[in-house]
């Protein structure tokens, strides 16, 4: 298990836990980050943001928010 902020571009991951306060958790869940959801990292946090493909959409979140999302590693593309 690692935070999404530590993932590399191309990683195929699965959300296993959402941390942070209730407001942060709700915000991330509203964006689609729920336990069991597959996520692909499109761009790693070189510029401070992490871009992911999630449920057919691309989302950019800050590396601070990405650090609250715990994922398990999958296969790299």
Protein backbone atom coordinates (compact mmCIF):
# COMPACT_ATOMS: atom_id res chain seq x y z
CA UNK A 1 0.00 0.00 0.00
CA UNK A 2 1.30 3.46 -0.89
CA UNK A 3 -0.11 6.97 -1.23
CA UNK A 4 -1.25 7.93 -4.72
CA UNK A 5 1.20 10.84 -4.58
CA UNK A 6 4.09 8.32 -4.72
CA UNK A 7 2.83 6.52 -7.84
CA UNK A 8 4.49 6.77 -11.25
CA UNK A 9 2.92 7.61 -14.61
CA UNK A 10 1.45 4.46 -16.15
CA UNK A 11 0.78 2.71 -12.84
CA UNK A 12 -2.49 0.76 -12.66
CA UNK A 13 -3.74 1.00 -9.08
CA UNK A 14 -6.70 0.23 -6.83
CA UNK A 15 -8.01 2.59 -4.14
CA UNK A 16 -7.88 0.86 -0.75
CA UNK A 17 -8.32 3.72 1.75
CA UNK A 18 -9.14 7.43 1.86
CA UNK A 19 -7.57 9.44 4.67
CA UNK A 20 -7.92 13.01 5.87
CA UNK A 21 -10.72 14.85 7.61
CA UNK A 22 -14.39 14.28 6.81
CA UNK A 23 -14.49 17.21 4.37
CA UNK A 24 -11.47 15.94 2.41
CA UNK A 25 -12.85 12.39 2.35
CA UNK A 26 -16.22 13.60 1.04
CA UNK A 27 -14.56 15.74 -1.63
CA UNK A 28 -12.43 12.83 -2.86
CA UNK A 29 -15.40 10.44 -2.80
CA UNK A 30 -17.46 12.98 -4.78
CA UNK A 31 -14.68 12.98 -7.40
CA UNK A 32 -14.93 9.19 -7.62
CA UNK A 33 -12.13 8.04 -5.33
CA UNK A 34 -13.87 5.25 -3.44
CA UNK A 35 -12.46 2.02 -2.04
CA UNK A 36 -12.23 -0.63 -4.74
CA UNK A 37 -12.06 1.81 -7.65
CA UNK A 38 -9.32 1.23 -10.24
CA UNK A 39 -7.14 4.25 -11.04
CA UNK A 40 -4.48 4.79 -13.70
CA UNK A 41 -1.81 7.45 -13.16
CA UNK A 42 -1.53 9.58 -16.31
CA UNK A 43 1.00 12.09 -14.97
CA UNK A 44 3.03 11.89 -11.77
CA UNK A 45 3.33 14.91 -9.44
CA UNK A 46 6.28 16.62 -11.16
CA UNK A 47 4.38 19.92 -11.31
CA UNK A 48 2.56 19.54 -7.99
CA UNK A 49 -0.51 17.84 -9.45
CA UNK A 50 -1.32 14.20 -10.12
CA UNK A 51 -3.41 13.45 -13.20
CA UNK A 52 -5.35 10.19 -13.09
CA UNK A 53 -7.80 8.32 -15.29
CA UNK A 54 -10.77 7.35 -13.15
CA UNK A 55 -14.17 6.01 -14.23
CA UNK A 56 -13.71 7.15 -17.83
CA UNK A 57 -12.54 10.67 -16.95
CA UNK A 58 -9.22 12.39 -16.35
CA UNK A 59 -8.85 14.31 -13.11
CA UNK A 60 -6.09 16.50 -11.74
CA UNK A 61 -5.67 16.66 -7.98
CA UNK A 62 -2.96 18.25 -5.86
CA UNK A 63 -0.19 16.06 -4.54
CA UNK A 64 -1.43 16.92 -1.02
CA UNK A 65 -4.85 15.45 -1.82
CA UNK A 66 -3.24 12.49 -3.61
CA UNK A 67 -1.27 11.76 -0.43
CA UNK A 68 -4.60 11.08 1.37
CA UNK A 69 -5.49 8.29 -1.11
CA UNK A 70 -3.94 4.91 -0.30
CA UNK A 71 -3.63 2.52 -3.24
CA UNK A 72 -2.28 -0.92 -4.01
CA UNK A 73 0.03 -1.44 -6.93
CA UNK A 74 -1.07 -3.18 -10.09
CA UNK A 75 0.56 -3.69 -13.47
CA UNK A 76 2.39 -0.93 -15.33
CA UNK A 77 1.46 -0.20 -18.93
